[in-house]
Amino acid sequence: MRSHDRGDTPAAWPCTGSARLNLPAGVVARWAPGGSVVAHLDTDHCRLTLGAWSWAGIAGILATFDAELTDVRPRELVQAGQRLAHRWATMTETGNSKAMLSARYPPGAPGSGYRAGGR
């Protein structure tokens, strides 16, 4: 993809928000939903503006990029992200999540939280 600009303009949705992503604009433009606008900030960062039926919907779409988010706007989007983070944290505390995590991340593997020597 040569250009991050797909010619989109923000679609009309009940909720519209944006965030600065720690990803290149070309990567985000490739995967952002139609009606989104990707603004190039520098080689490693962009601003994604998009809409959805709910603030939680926008937060969920932003989560699919699995990237650091900063300068999230508006406040309602930040609050929706905080609610989702709380729900996801609660989800990991229920059931047999410890067994699932140890199967996915064997001791010593990245993401396991285990460090050799107990540190």
Protein backbone atom coordinates (compact mmCIF):
# COMPACT_ATOMS: atom_id res chain seq x y z
CA MET A 1 0.00 0.00 0.00
CA ARG A 2 1.59 3.25 -1.10
CA SER A 3 -0.78 5.69 0.56
CA HIS A 4 -2.57 5.52 3.88
CA ASP A 5 -5.34 7.79 2.52
CA ARG A 6 -8.21 5.68 1.23
CA GLY A 7 -10.32 8.73 0.43
CA ASP A 8 -12.73 7.95 3.26
CA THR A 9 -14.53 10.58 5.27
CA PRO A 10 -15.94 9.90 8.72
CA ALA A 11 -19.21 8.02 8.37
CA ALA A 12 -22.26 9.31 10.24
CA TRP A 13 -22.60 7.31 13.45
CA PRO A 14 -24.17 8.03 16.85
CA CYS A 15 -20.66 7.85 18.38
CA THR A 16 -17.44 9.10 16.77
CA GLY A 17 -14.04 9.00 18.42
CA SER A 18 -10.34 8.92 17.72
CA ALA A 19 -7.05 7.77 19.16
CA ARG A 20 -3.34 7.99 18.41
CA LEU A 21 -2.02 4.51 17.64
CA ASN A 22 1.58 3.41 17.86
CA LEU A 23 1.38 1.87 14.40
CA PRO A 24 2.24 3.18 10.94
CA ALA A 25 -0.67 4.75 9.03
CA GLY A 26 -0.32 2.22 6.20
CA VAL A 27 -0.87 -0.72 8.54
CA VAL A 28 -3.89 0.86 10.21
CA ALA A 29 -5.42 1.97 6.88
CA ARG A 30 -5.22 -1.59 5.59
CA TRP A 31 -7.33 -2.96 8.46
CA ALA A 32 -9.49 -0.03 9.56
CA PRO A 33 -13.19 -0.38 8.78
CA GLY A 34 -14.75 1.58 5.93
CA GLY A 35 -15.78 5.07 6.90
CA SER A 36 -12.68 5.45 9.09
CA VAL A 37 -10.09 8.15 8.60
CA VAL A 38 -6.39 7.45 9.18
CA ALA A 39 -4.15 10.49 9.61
CA HIS A 40 -0.38 10.03 9.22
CA LEU A 41 1.49 11.54 12.20
CA ASP A 42 5.00 10.16 11.66
CA THR A 43 6.59 6.92 10.46
CA ASP A 44 5.44 4.96 13.53
CA HIS A 45 2.20 6.69 14.57
CA CYS A 46 -1.18 7.67 13.19
CA ARG A 47 -4.56 8.95 14.36
CA LEU A 48 -7.58 6.78 13.64
CA THR A 49 -11.03 8.41 13.63
CA LEU A 50 -14.02 6.12 13.41
CA GLY A 51 -17.61 5.70 14.43
CA ALA A 52 -19.95 3.02 15.73
CA TRP A 53 -23.32 2.54 17.39
CA SER A 54 -21.69 2.67 20.83
CA TRP A 55 -18.55 3.89 22.56
CA ALA A 56 -17.82 0.29 23.55
CA GLY A 57 -17.98 -0.62 19.86
CA ILE A 58 -15.29 1.93 19.00
CA ALA A 59 -13.17 0.78 21.95
CA GLY A 60 -13.48 -2.81 20.73
CA ILE A 61 -12.39 -1.89 17.22
CA LEU A 62 -9.39 0.02 18.62
CA ALA A 63 -8.50 -3.06 20.69
CA THR A 64 -8.23 -5.18 17.54
CA PHE A 65 -5.10 -3.25 16.55
CA ASP A 66 -3.30 -4.53 19.69
CA ALA A 67 -1.29 -1.29 19.90
CA GLU A 68 -0.60 1.41 22.48
CA LEU A 69 -3.31 4.07 22.39
CA THR A 70 -2.82 7.66 23.50
CA ASP A 71 -4.70 10.93 23.14
CA VAL A 72 -8.04 9.08 23.07
CA ARG A 73 -11.03 11.35 22.41
CA PRO A 74 -13.69 12.08 23.56
CA ARG A 75 -14.01 11.36 27.26
CA GLU A 76 -16.89 8.94 26.60
CA LEU A 77 -14.56 6.74 24.56
CA VAL A 78 -11.98 6.73 27.36
CA GLN A 79 -14.70 5.72 29.84
CA ALA A 80 -15.91 2.93 27.55
CA GLY A 81 -12.34 1.62 27.31
CA GLN A 82 -12.05 1.67 31.09
CA ARG A 83 -15.31 -0.29 31.45
CA LEU A 84 -14.13 -2.88 28.92
CA ALA A 85 -10.76 -3.17 30.65
CA HIS A 86 -12.57 -3.85 33.93
CA ARG A 87 -14.79 -6.48 32.28
CA TRP A 88 -11.80 -8.18 30.66
CA ALA A 89 -9.88 -8.16 33.94
CA THR A 90 -12.87 -9.74 35.67
CA MET A 91 -13.16 -12.32 32.90
CA THR A 92 -9.61 -13.54 33.52
CA GLU A 93 -10.37 -13.97 37.22
CA THR A 94 -13.25 -16.41 36.63
CA GLY A 95 -13.18 -20.04 35.69
CA ASN A 96 -9.94 -21.90 35.28
CA SER A 97 -8.05 -19.04 33.67
CA LYS A 98 -4.80 -19.91 35.44
CA ALA A 99 -4.73 -23.33 33.78
CA MET A 100 -5.59 -21.78 30.42
CA LEU A 101 -2.79 -19.23 30.74
CA SER A 102 -0.22 -21.82 31.77
CA ALA A 103 -1.16 -23.96 28.77
CA ARG A 104 -0.81 -20.97 26.47
CA TYR A 105 2.33 -19.57 28.11
CA PRO A 106 4.58 -22.31 29.51
CA PRO A 107 6.89 -21.17 32.36
CA GLY A 108 9.64 -18.95 31.03
CA ALA A 109 7.82 -18.12 27.78
CA PRO A 110 7.20 -14.48 26.89
CA GLY A 111 3.87 -13.42 28.38
CA SER A 112 3.94 -16.06 31.10
CA GLY A 113 4.82 -13.64 33.87
CA TYR A 114 7.39 -16.18 35.05
CA ARG A 115 11.04 -15.26 35.37
CA ALA A 116 13.83 -17.67 36.04
CA GLY A 117 15.17 -17.36 39.57
CA GLY A 118 11.82 -16.17 40.93
CA ARG A 119 12.37 -12.54 39.99
